[in-house]
């Protein structure tokens, strides 16, 4: 069929260039070379200096034979070297694998082997576990040490240190633009709580799109000063190494995440934005008077991971933080839904605003599809806020797939949608609200109980700092809710009082039958490890 718009209007180098977040760095350095790019303790570097160092890293890796499709692993906290790797590694077409710094040697060895890593850049703090992991691998890697002055522990285990290594590179190195925006830029491993972790592959295209999606979603403008409380190894820091660079903002590194360090950094550097799981929110809420400092202005806080209870959101907003609630997974580059705010909601009471804000919301502008549907038929559920289904995504901000695992990829993409495994409801206004992971839902006497709902009530108690609810086997009911609670220091609340508190606010069958006090096991990204709690509940 004749179509004049398809004649002599082909893509060419002048009108079509593969998308990549690498260009954000080149632009930042060319437009604002003297603006502060990164701060780490007493260290401060400009965008011009940072661009040169990233090119040096790329050049040094290329001289050692690293190139397109090779994996470069990095084991480091939130320090400048891991930030530079987000640009220097893909500048040569290699793929960045930022390692979870909380993993044990066995898991690290599995990842290094599965990813076929050729280079490992590692901070000396982790020399013990890294040395053990390397001993489990039957081949030699190029190991480069990060000798951060802020680190006072560990030893050097590599053949050279990072500064000496990049000194061999060319600061004017002509880095490689990806030939295709579908090329891999990074590799992120899932937690592997039910087996070996799966390697999630990100593309240049998806990383670029979600980085800009963060800008649009957060309404970022001007010169953001971003505090690194979210681990850069987690979904590449939700793409924020690229987001803040696109804004030519300032990255403030934070090696140790605690209340005092966060408040000090916010006060000293006039931080405008930070991200974190509810555990970080808890640190700020429960900070001692000695650790707390006045905020220089309203600070924007983006939270995700475990759904934050409305009570926690309300407490933090009362202290001068403005909460933006997002939701996503490793497989979708971090956050891809947001509880988009309506101005008319500003007039509602604080507790009502917090309840609305605790919903996971609607899709990012840069994500094309979101639905709650039957996991078998993919038929969307009724938007009544009650009918439960699985959350599905579709669009440009979905992973390429799982590395060397076509079966898992096919299952995840079955029916043309990405299956999250998260259960939720769809409200009449189009906002979704998570109710549980499919594996976390409690079925008691044939009734479904959302652990998130029960946890939300527990967090309303003034003595509760952390709470998690899991299923406990029960001969009569099949399962009953078991609550694990970490209390404020000095609290003398009893399990009976906790149960009574819940019975005043929940249907009785939803209330915990068992309460266990003490610290809660967590992943490095602040997610409570419910699989451990389930085993503890079985033995209680």
Protein backbone atom coordinates (compact mmCIF):
# COMPACT_ATOMS: atom_id res chain seq x y z
CA UNK A 1 0.00 0.00 0.00
CA UNK A 2 1.33 3.42 -0.96
CA UNK A 3 2.52 5.52 1.98
CA UNK A 4 4.44 8.72 1.15
CA UNK A 5 5.82 8.88 4.70
CA UNK A 6 7.80 5.71 4.09
CA UNK A 7 9.55 6.99 0.95
CA UNK A 8 13.08 8.42 1.21
CA UNK A 9 12.63 9.12 4.92
CA UNK A 10 14.93 6.45 6.33
CA UNK A 11 16.95 6.58 9.52
CA UNK A 12 20.45 7.94 9.06
CA UNK A 13 23.31 9.12 11.33
CA UNK A 14 21.93 12.66 11.29
CA UNK A 15 18.48 11.78 12.62
CA UNK A 16 18.90 8.55 14.57
CA UNK A 17 21.50 7.93 17.28
CA UNK A 18 21.36 5.00 19.73
CA UNK A 19 20.22 6.13 23.18
CA UNK A 20 22.80 5.85 25.96
CA UNK A 21 23.19 7.51 29.37
CA UNK A 22 26.92 7.88 28.65
CA UNK A 23 26.18 11.06 26.75
CA UNK A 24 24.91 12.68 29.98
CA UNK A 25 28.48 12.71 31.30
CA UNK A 26 29.97 14.14 28.12
CA UNK A 27 27.36 16.92 28.13
CA UNK A 28 27.84 17.70 31.83
CA UNK A 29 31.60 18.06 31.36
CA UNK A 30 31.29 20.20 28.23
CA UNK A 31 28.62 22.56 29.56
CA UNK A 32 29.55 22.77 33.27
CA UNK A 33 33.16 21.57 33.55
CA UNK A 34 33.80 23.48 36.80
CA UNK A 35 30.60 22.53 38.64
CA UNK A 36 31.05 20.09 41.53
CA UNK A 37 30.24 16.57 40.36
CA UNK A 38 31.08 14.40 43.34
CA UNK A 39 31.90 14.83 47.03
CA UNK A 40 33.40 12.14 49.22
CA UNK A 41 34.48 13.35 52.63
CA UNK A 42 37.20 15.94 52.02
CA UNK A 43 37.42 14.98 48.34
CA UNK A 44 35.62 17.09 45.75
CA UNK A 45 35.85 16.75 41.95
CA UNK A 46 34.34 18.75 39.10
CA UNK A 47 32.50 17.37 36.10
CA UNK A 48 35.53 18.09 33.92
CA UNK A 49 37.76 16.07 36.24
CA UNK A 50 35.24 13.26 36.56
CA UNK A 51 34.84 12.91 32.80
CA UNK A 52 38.60 12.60 32.40
CA UNK A 53 38.83 9.93 35.10
CA UNK A 54 36.04 7.88 33.51
CA UNK A 55 37.82 8.04 30.17
CA UNK A 56 41.04 7.01 31.86
CA UNK A 57 39.29 3.99 33.37
CA UNK A 58 37.87 3.04 29.96
CA UNK A 59 41.25 3.46 28.29
CA UNK A 60 43.09 1.45 30.96
CA UNK A 61 40.59 -1.41 30.65
CA UNK A 62 40.88 -1.37 26.85
CA UNK A 63 44.68 -1.61 27.12
CA UNK A 64 44.19 -4.79 29.12
CA UNK A 65 42.08 -6.31 26.36
CA UNK A 66 38.64 -5.62 27.85
CA UNK A 67 35.98 -4.75 25.29
CA UNK A 68 32.48 -5.30 23.95
CA UNK A 69 30.53 -7.91 25.90
CA UNK A 70 33.12 -8.41 28.64
CA UNK A 71 31.95 -8.22 32.25
CA UNK A 72 33.66 -5.94 34.78
CA UNK A 73 32.58 -6.54 38.39
CA UNK A 74 32.80 -3.91 41.13
CA UNK A 75 32.60 -4.59 44.88
CA UNK A 76 32.34 -1.25 46.65
CA UNK A 77 30.13 0.92 48.86
CA UNK A 78 28.85 4.29 47.66
CA UNK A 79 32.20 5.89 46.79
CA UNK A 80 33.49 7.70 43.68
CA UNK A 81 35.08 4.61 42.12
CA UNK A 82 31.81 2.72 41.70
CA UNK A 83 30.20 5.86 40.29
CA UNK A 84 33.01 6.21 37.74
CA UNK A 85 32.55 2.56 36.76
CA UNK A 86 28.97 3.34 35.70
CA UNK A 87 30.48 5.33 32.85
CA UNK A 88 34.03 4.07 32.33
CA UNK A 89 33.06 0.40 31.94
CA UNK A 90 30.33 0.83 29.28
CA UNK A 91 32.47 3.40 27.44
CA UNK A 92 34.31 0.43 25.89
CA UNK A 93 31.19 -1.67 25.35
CA UNK A 94 31.84 -3.74 28.47
CA UNK A 95 29.10 -4.59 30.98
CA UNK A 96 29.13 -3.38 34.59
CA UNK A 97 28.27 -5.90 37.30
CA UNK A 98 27.97 -4.04 40.61
CA UNK A 99 28.16 -6.67 43.35
CA UNK A 100 26.04 -6.73 46.48
CA UNK A 101 28.51 -5.97 49.28
CA UNK A 102 26.54 -8.05 51.81
CA UNK A 103 26.86 -11.35 49.94
CA UNK A 104 28.90 -14.27 51.21
CA UNK A 105 31.88 -15.77 49.36
CA UNK A 106 29.85 -18.61 47.84
CA UNK A 107 27.30 -16.26 46.28
CA UNK A 108 30.01 -13.90 45.03
CA UNK A 109 31.93 -16.79 43.47
CA UNK A 110 28.78 -18.00 41.72
CA UNK A 111 28.09 -14.52 40.30
CA UNK A 112 31.68 -13.94 39.13
CA UNK A 113 31.64 -17.29 37.35
CA UNK A 114 28.13 -17.00 35.93
CA UNK A 115 28.84 -13.48 34.65
CA UNK A 116 32.20 -14.62 33.26
CA UNK A 117 33.79 -11.57 34.85
CA UNK A 118 37.23 -10.71 33.49
CA UNK A 119 37.96 -7.85 35.88
CA UNK A 120 37.12 -7.27 39.54
CA UNK A 121 37.49 -3.83 41.09
CA UNK A 122 37.18 -4.26 44.86
CA UNK A 123 37.31 -2.06 47.93
CA UNK A 124 39.79 -3.19 50.57
CA UNK A 125 37.04 -3.40 53.21
CA UNK A 126 35.83 -6.59 51.54
CA UNK A 127 39.22 -8.22 51.06
CA UNK A 128 38.38 -11.15 53.35
CA UNK A 129 35.25 -12.31 51.55
CA UNK A 130 36.71 -11.47 48.14
CA UNK A 131 39.88 -13.49 48.79
CA UNK A 132 37.71 -16.45 49.77
CA UNK A 133 35.46 -16.05 46.70
CA UNK A 134 38.44 -15.84 44.36
CA UNK A 135 39.77 -19.05 45.87
CA UNK A 136 36.58 -20.80 44.72
CA UNK A 137 37.02 -19.75 41.11
CA UNK A 138 39.11 -21.94 38.86
CA UNK A 139 40.56 -19.13 36.77
CA UNK A 140 42.44 -15.86 37.18
CA UNK A 141 40.80 -12.45 37.07
CA UNK A 142 42.40 -9.03 36.86
CA UNK A 143 41.83 -7.76 40.41
CA UNK A 144 42.14 -4.04 41.10
CA UNK A 145 42.06 -2.66 44.65
CA UNK A 146 40.24 0.47 45.76
CA UNK A 147 42.32 1.95 48.56
CA UNK A 148 39.81 4.46 49.92
CA UNK A 149 41.32 6.69 52.66
CA UNK A 150 38.03 6.45 54.58
CA UNK A 151 38.49 2.68 54.90
CA UNK A 152 40.67 1.65 57.84
CA UNK A 153 40.24 -2.12 57.57
CA UNK A 154 41.13 -4.93 55.21
CA UNK A 155 44.10 -5.38 52.92
CA UNK A 156 45.04 -5.11 49.27
CA UNK A 157 44.45 -8.34 47.35
CA UNK A 158 44.86 -7.28 43.71
CA UNK A 159 47.77 -6.82 41.37
CA UNK A 160 47.39 -3.03 41.35
CA UNK A 161 45.36 -0.26 42.94
CA UNK A 162 42.67 1.78 41.23
CA UNK A 163 44.56 5.07 41.06
CA UNK A 164 47.66 3.40 39.61
CA UNK A 165 45.50 1.50 37.14
CA UNK A 166 43.60 4.48 35.72
CA UNK A 167 46.88 6.44 35.55
CA UNK A 168 47.82 4.10 32.70
CA UNK A 169 44.77 5.31 30.75
CA UNK A 170 44.32 8.27 28.41
CA UNK A 171 42.24 11.16 29.78
CA UNK A 172 41.32 12.09 26.18
CA UNK A 173 40.35 8.53 25.24
CA UNK A 174 37.84 8.39 22.37
CA UNK A 175 35.22 6.22 24.03
CA UNK A 176 32.80 4.03 22.13
CA UNK A 177 29.18 5.01 21.55
CA UNK A 178 27.06 1.82 21.48
CA UNK A 179 26.40 0.58 17.95
CA UNK A 180 22.92 -0.44 19.08
CA UNK A 181 20.99 0.96 22.04
CA UNK A 182 19.86 -2.61 22.82
CA UNK A 183 23.44 -3.47 23.81
CA UNK A 184 23.89 -4.49 27.44
CA UNK A 185 25.14 -1.78 29.81
CA UNK A 186 24.89 -3.56 33.17
CA UNK A 187 24.16 -6.83 34.91
CA UNK A 188 22.32 -6.99 38.25
CA UNK A 189 21.68 -10.16 40.22
CA UNK A 190 18.48 -10.87 42.11
CA UNK A 191 18.66 -11.83 45.77
CA UNK A 192 18.53 -15.58 45.14
CA UNK A 193 16.54 -16.36 48.29
CA UNK A 194 15.04 -19.47 46.67
CA UNK A 195 18.13 -20.67 44.79
CA UNK A 196 20.97 -19.23 42.78
CA UNK A 197 20.48 -15.56 41.88
CA UNK A 198 19.39 -14.64 38.35
CA UNK A 199 21.37 -12.14 36.30
CA UNK A 200 19.15 -9.28 35.10
CA UNK A 201 20.51 -7.58 31.97
CA UNK A 202 19.94 -3.85 31.36
CA UNK A 203 20.31 -2.12 27.98
CA UNK A 204 21.67 1.33 27.18
CA UNK A 205 18.18 2.22 25.94
CA UNK A 206 16.35 1.17 29.10
CA UNK A 207 18.91 2.83 31.36
CA UNK A 208 18.66 6.09 29.44
CA UNK A 209 14.86 6.04 29.50
CA UNK A 210 14.52 5.28 33.20
CA UNK A 211 17.17 7.84 34.12
CA UNK A 212 15.06 10.50 32.39
CA UNK A 213 11.94 8.94 33.88
CA UNK A 214 13.33 9.69 37.34
CA UNK A 215 13.78 13.35 36.38
CA UNK A 216 10.22 13.64 35.10
CA UNK A 217 8.65 11.66 37.94
CA UNK A 218 10.41 13.59 40.70
CA UNK A 219 9.89 16.95 38.99
CA UNK A 220 13.63 17.61 39.29
CA UNK A 221 14.93 21.00 38.22
CA UNK A 222 17.80 23.35 38.91
CA UNK A 223 20.87 21.87 40.59
CA UNK A 224 19.98 18.80 42.65
CA UNK A 225 22.36 17.74 45.43
CA UNK A 226 21.86 14.01 45.82
CA UNK A 227 22.87 12.02 48.90
CA UNK A 228 23.87 8.41 48.19
CA UNK A 229 22.04 6.39 50.82
CA UNK A 230 20.62 3.92 48.29
CA UNK A 231 23.30 1.34 47.33
CA UNK A 232 24.68 1.92 43.84
CA UNK A 233 24.85 -1.85 43.45
CA UNK A 234 21.07 -2.13 43.79
CA UNK A 235 19.50 -1.77 40.32
CA UNK A 236 22.42 0.54 39.53
CA UNK A 237 21.14 2.82 42.27
CA UNK A 238 17.72 2.94 40.55
CA UNK A 239 19.54 4.55 37.59
CA UNK A 240 20.37 7.64 39.67
CA UNK A 241 24.10 7.67 38.77
CA UNK A 242 22.84 8.56 35.29
CA UNK A 243 19.84 10.65 36.44
CA UNK A 244 21.82 13.11 38.57
CA UNK A 245 24.51 13.33 35.89
CA UNK A 246 21.84 14.21 33.30
CA UNK A 247 20.81 17.06 35.64
CA UNK A 248 24.47 18.04 36.16
CA UNK A 249 23.78 17.81 39.87
CA UNK A 250 26.16 16.90 42.68
CA UNK A 251 26.63 13.36 43.96
CA UNK A 252 27.37 13.25 47.70
CA UNK A 253 28.87 9.87 48.59
CA UNK A 254 28.20 8.21 51.92
CA UNK A 255 30.28 5.20 52.84
CA UNK A 256 28.47 4.51 56.11
CA UNK A 257 24.68 4.85 56.25
CA UNK A 258 23.45 5.92 59.68
CA UNK A 259 21.35 8.75 61.07
CA UNK A 260 24.27 10.95 62.16
CA UNK A 261 26.05 10.71 58.80
CA UNK A 262 22.86 11.44 56.88
CA UNK A 263 21.89 14.48 58.95
CA UNK A 264 25.47 15.80 58.85
CA UNK A 265 25.66 15.46 55.07
CA UNK A 266 22.25 17.06 54.55
CA UNK A 267 23.23 20.03 56.71
CA UNK A 268 26.77 20.47 55.33
CA UNK A 269 26.06 20.02 51.62
CA UNK A 270 22.48 21.33 51.52
CA UNK A 271 21.22 18.02 50.15
CA UNK A 272 18.00 18.31 48.17
CA UNK A 273 17.26 14.67 47.28
CA UNK A 274 17.89 11.17 48.58
CA UNK A 275 16.44 7.70 48.10
CA UNK A 276 16.05 4.79 50.46
CA UNK A 277 14.08 1.82 51.66
CA UNK A 278 11.82 2.12 54.73
CA UNK A 279 14.81 1.08 56.88
CA UNK A 280 16.47 4.41 55.99
CA UNK A 281 13.25 6.22 56.82
CA UNK A 282 13.31 4.49 60.19
CA UNK A 283 16.88 5.65 60.85
CA UNK A 284 15.85 9.25 60.27
CA UNK A 285 12.61 9.01 62.25
CA UNK A 286 14.25 7.37 65.26
CA UNK A 287 17.46 9.42 65.28
CA UNK A 288 18.60 10.61 68.68
CA UNK A 289 18.66 14.30 69.52
CA UNK A 290 22.47 14.14 69.39
CA UNK A 291 22.44 12.79 65.82
CA UNK A 292 19.65 14.98 64.49
CA UNK A 293 20.27 18.35 62.80
CA UNK A 294 17.74 20.86 61.42
CA UNK A 295 16.98 20.44 57.72
CA UNK A 296 18.21 23.36 55.60
CA UNK A 297 15.00 23.15 53.57
CA UNK A 298 12.36 20.57 52.65
CA UNK A 299 14.27 17.49 51.54
CA UNK A 300 12.84 15.25 48.83
CA UNK A 301 12.87 11.57 49.83
CA UNK A 302 12.03 8.82 47.33
CA UNK A 303 11.23 5.47 48.90
CA UNK A 304 10.49 1.99 47.58
CA UNK A 305 11.48 -1.62 48.43
CA UNK A 306 9.07 -2.94 51.08
CA UNK A 307 5.85 -0.90 50.99
CA UNK A 308 6.22 1.86 53.63
CA UNK A 309 3.40 1.93 56.18
CA UNK A 310 1.32 5.10 56.19
CA UNK A 311 2.35 5.78 59.81
CA UNK A 312 6.04 5.84 58.83
CA UNK A 313 5.41 8.20 55.92
CA UNK A 314 3.43 10.51 58.18
CA UNK A 315 6.15 10.66 60.82
CA UNK A 316 8.90 11.47 58.33
CA UNK A 317 6.89 14.14 56.54
CA UNK A 318 6.17 15.75 59.91
CA UNK A 319 9.94 16.15 60.30
CA UNK A 320 10.35 18.14 57.07
CA UNK A 321 10.89 15.47 54.40
CA UNK A 322 8.58 15.26 51.39
CA UNK A 323 7.98 11.60 50.50
CA UNK A 324 7.61 10.32 46.95
CA UNK A 325 6.56 6.68 46.99
CA UNK A 326 7.65 4.56 44.03
CA UNK A 327 7.65 0.86 43.27
CA UNK A 328 9.56 -1.47 40.99
CA UNK A 329 11.88 -4.45 40.84
CA UNK A 330 15.38 -5.26 39.65
CA UNK A 331 13.84 -6.52 36.40
CA UNK A 332 12.41 -3.07 35.61
CA UNK A 333 15.49 -0.93 36.34
CA UNK A 334 14.27 -0.05 39.83
CA UNK A 335 11.23 2.24 40.19
CA UNK A 336 8.59 2.36 37.44
CA UNK A 337 5.42 3.33 39.31
CA UNK A 338 4.81 6.39 41.45
CA UNK A 339 2.08 7.50 43.78
CA UNK A 340 1.50 10.61 41.65
CA UNK A 341 0.20 13.35 43.89
CA UNK A 342 -2.96 15.39 43.40
CA UNK A 343 -2.95 18.97 44.70
CA UNK A 344 -6.44 18.59 46.18
CA UNK A 345 -5.05 15.90 48.49
CA UNK A 346 -2.98 18.59 50.25
CA UNK A 347 -6.07 19.70 52.17
CA UNK A 348 -6.63 16.30 53.75
CA UNK A 349 -5.42 15.42 57.28
CA UNK A 350 -1.85 14.15 57.61
CA UNK A 351 -2.87 10.57 58.34
CA UNK A 352 -5.15 10.50 55.28
CA UNK A 353 -2.41 11.99 53.07
CA UNK A 354 0.01 9.37 54.37
CA UNK A 355 -2.48 6.57 53.61
CA UNK A 356 -2.91 7.79 50.04
CA UNK A 357 0.83 8.17 49.62
CA UNK A 358 1.47 4.61 50.82
CA UNK A 359 -0.12 3.24 47.62
CA UNK A 360 2.25 2.22 44.82
CA UNK A 361 0.35 4.37 42.34
CA UNK A 362 0.48 4.63 38.57
CA UNK A 363 3.11 3.91 35.94
CA UNK A 364 6.05 6.20 35.20
CA UNK A 365 5.63 8.44 32.16
CA UNK A 366 8.41 6.39 30.55
CA UNK A 367 6.75 2.99 31.14
CA UNK A 368 4.07 1.91 28.70
CA UNK A 369 1.99 -0.68 30.52
CA UNK A 370 0.86 -1.52 34.07
CA UNK A 371 -2.00 -3.72 35.17
CA UNK A 372 -3.26 -5.93 37.99
CA UNK A 373 -4.58 -9.15 36.51
CA UNK A 374 -5.27 -12.83 36.96
CA UNK A 375 -1.83 -14.49 36.80
CA UNK A 376 -3.12 -17.34 34.61
CA UNK A 377 -5.50 -15.65 32.18
CA UNK A 378 -3.98 -12.14 32.27
CA UNK A 379 -7.52 -10.80 32.54
CA UNK A 380 -7.40 -7.43 34.39
CA UNK A 381 -9.10 -7.42 37.79
CA UNK A 382 -11.95 -5.12 38.68
CA UNK A 383 -10.79 -1.69 39.84
CA UNK A 384 -12.55 -1.93 43.17
CA UNK A 385 -9.60 -1.76 45.59
CA UNK A 386 -10.46 -5.24 46.84
CA UNK A 387 -10.05 -7.84 44.08
CA UNK A 388 -6.52 -9.16 44.24
CA UNK A 389 -4.32 -10.05 41.27
CA UNK A 390 -0.71 -10.07 40.13
CA UNK A 391 1.06 -6.86 39.08
CA UNK A 392 2.30 -6.83 35.46
CA UNK A 393 4.51 -4.42 33.50
CA UNK A 394 5.14 -3.85 29.82
CA UNK A 395 7.33 -1.30 28.09
CA UNK A 396 10.77 0.06 27.38
CA UNK A 397 11.78 -0.03 31.03
CA UNK A 398 11.77 -3.81 31.32
CA UNK A 399 14.97 -5.86 31.35
CA UNK A 400 16.44 -7.52 28.26
CA UNK A 401 16.06 -10.81 30.13
CA UNK A 402 17.98 -13.12 32.46
CA UNK A 403 21.57 -13.88 31.49
CA UNK A 404 22.01 -17.44 30.18
CA UNK A 405 18.57 -18.42 31.50
CA UNK A 406 16.08 -18.51 28.59
CA UNK A 407 13.57 -20.61 30.51
CA UNK A 408 13.29 -18.04 33.30
CA UNK A 409 13.10 -15.21 30.75
CA UNK A 410 10.31 -16.94 28.82
CA UNK A 411 8.35 -17.51 32.03
CA UNK A 412 8.81 -13.90 33.14
CA UNK A 413 7.60 -12.56 29.75
CA UNK A 414 4.79 -15.06 29.21
CA UNK A 415 1.79 -13.50 27.48
CA UNK A 416 3.69 -10.38 26.46
CA UNK A 417 3.83 -8.94 29.99
CA UNK A 418 6.48 -9.06 32.71
CA UNK A 419 5.19 -11.10 35.65
CA UNK A 420 6.29 -9.49 38.92
CA UNK A 421 5.04 -12.11 41.38
CA UNK A 422 3.67 -9.24 43.50
CA UNK A 423 0.01 -9.28 44.49
CA UNK A 424 -2.08 -6.15 44.69
CA UNK A 425 -5.40 -4.45 44.05
CA UNK A 426 -6.46 -1.80 41.56
CA UNK A 427 -8.35 1.20 42.91
CA UNK A 428 -11.11 3.02 41.05
CA UNK A 429 -8.78 5.96 40.38
CA UNK A 430 -6.32 3.66 38.58
CA UNK A 431 -3.79 3.50 41.42
CA UNK A 432 -2.41 0.10 42.38
CA UNK A 433 -1.71 -0.97 45.94
CA UNK A 434 0.48 -3.93 46.82
CA UNK A 435 -0.92 -6.47 49.21
CA UNK A 436 1.86 -9.06 49.25
CA UNK A 437 4.30 -11.18 47.38
CA UNK A 438 2.51 -14.27 46.11
CA UNK A 439 4.71 -16.35 48.40
CA UNK A 440 3.98 -14.14 51.43
CA UNK A 441 0.19 -14.15 51.45
CA UNK A 442 -1.23 -15.95 54.53
CA UNK A 443 -4.16 -18.31 54.04
CA UNK A 444 -5.84 -18.88 57.38
CA UNK A 445 -8.98 -21.00 57.52
CA UNK A 446 -9.46 -20.36 53.79
CA UNK A 447 -9.21 -16.57 54.20
CA UNK A 448 -6.43 -14.56 52.56
CA UNK A 449 -4.52 -12.25 54.91
CA UNK A 450 -2.28 -9.51 53.56
CA UNK A 451 0.88 -9.27 55.64
CA UNK A 452 1.30 -5.68 54.44
CA UNK A 453 -2.07 -4.73 55.94
CA UNK A 454 -1.17 -6.25 59.31
CA UNK A 455 2.28 -4.62 59.26
CA UNK A 456 0.67 -1.26 58.55
CA UNK A 457 -1.36 -1.56 61.77
CA UNK A 458 1.68 -2.65 63.80
CA UNK A 459 3.58 0.44 62.66
CA UNK A 460 0.84 2.62 64.11
CA UNK A 461 1.95 1.59 67.60
CA UNK A 462 4.33 4.28 68.97
CA UNK A 463 6.76 1.70 70.40
CA UNK A 464 7.23 -0.24 67.15
CA UNK A 465 10.38 0.59 65.15
CA UNK A 466 10.28 -2.33 62.71
CA UNK A 467 7.69 -5.01 62.01
CA UNK A 468 7.25 -7.96 59.69
CA UNK A 469 4.49 -10.56 59.51
CA UNK A 470 4.78 -14.08 58.10
CA UNK A 471 2.74 -17.26 58.08
CA UNK A 472 3.15 -19.70 60.97
CA UNK A 473 1.90 -23.27 60.42
CA UNK A 474 -1.19 -24.07 62.47
CA UNK A 475 -2.91 -27.47 62.79
CA UNK A 476 -6.40 -25.98 62.99
CA UNK A 477 -6.22 -22.95 60.66
CA UNK A 478 -3.48 -24.07 58.28
CA UNK A 479 -1.61 -20.82 58.83
CA UNK A 480 -1.85 -17.92 61.26
CA UNK A 481 -0.04 -14.55 61.30
CA UNK A 482 3.22 -14.38 63.25
CA UNK A 483 4.60 -10.89 63.95
CA UNK A 484 8.29 -10.10 64.37
CA UNK A 485 8.81 -6.73 66.02
CA UNK A 486 11.77 -4.55 66.90
CA UNK A 487 10.79 -2.14 69.67
CA UNK A 488 12.07 1.28 70.65
CA UNK A 489 14.82 1.14 73.24
CA UNK A 490 13.37 0.97 76.73
CA UNK A 491 9.93 -0.20 75.67
CA UNK A 492 8.24 -2.72 77.97
CA UNK A 493 5.27 -3.53 75.72
CA UNK A 494 4.19 -7.18 75.83
CA UNK A 495 3.01 -9.58 73.13
CA UNK A 496 -0.49 -9.56 74.62
CA UNK A 497 -0.65 -5.78 74.41
CA UNK A 498 0.47 -5.88 70.76
CA UNK A 499 -2.22 -8.42 69.89
CA UNK A 500 -4.85 -6.36 71.73
CA UNK A 501 -3.73 -3.26 69.83
CA UNK A 502 -4.24 -5.10 66.53
CA UNK A 503 -7.63 -6.51 67.55
CA UNK A 504 -8.89 -2.94 68.00
CA UNK A 505 -7.97 -2.12 64.39
CA UNK A 506 -8.30 -5.34 62.39
CA UNK A 507 -10.68 -8.21 61.90
CA UNK A 508 -9.68 -10.71 64.57
CA UNK A 509 -8.68 -13.45 62.12
CA UNK A 510 -6.08 -11.08 60.64
CA UNK A 511 -4.39 -10.35 63.95
CA UNK A 512 -1.11 -11.98 64.96
CA UNK A 513 -1.48 -15.10 67.09
CA UNK A 514 2.25 -15.06 67.86
CA UNK A 515 4.57 -12.09 68.53
CA UNK A 516 8.37 -12.37 68.62
CA UNK A 517 10.53 -9.41 69.68
CA UNK A 518 14.03 -8.66 68.46
CA UNK A 519 16.09 -7.37 65.48
CA UNK A 520 14.86 -8.32 62.00
CA UNK A 521 17.20 -9.90 59.40
CA UNK A 522 17.58 -7.73 56.30
CA UNK A 523 19.23 -7.68 52.92
CA UNK A 524 21.77 -4.99 52.07
CA UNK A 525 19.02 -2.96 50.40
CA UNK A 526 16.90 -2.88 53.54
CA UNK A 527 14.39 -5.58 52.61
CA UNK A 528 13.39 -7.81 55.49
CA UNK A 529 14.33 -11.42 54.80
CA UNK A 530 10.98 -13.08 55.30
CA UNK A 531 12.25 -16.49 54.27
CA UNK A 532 14.39 -16.46 57.43
CA UNK A 533 11.45 -15.29 59.51
CA UNK A 534 9.26 -18.06 58.12
CA UNK A 535 11.78 -20.64 59.31
CA UNK A 536 11.91 -18.95 62.73
CA UNK A 537 8.10 -18.93 62.90
CA UNK A 538 7.96 -22.67 62.22
CA UNK A 539 10.19 -23.28 65.24
CA UNK A 540 8.42 -20.87 67.59
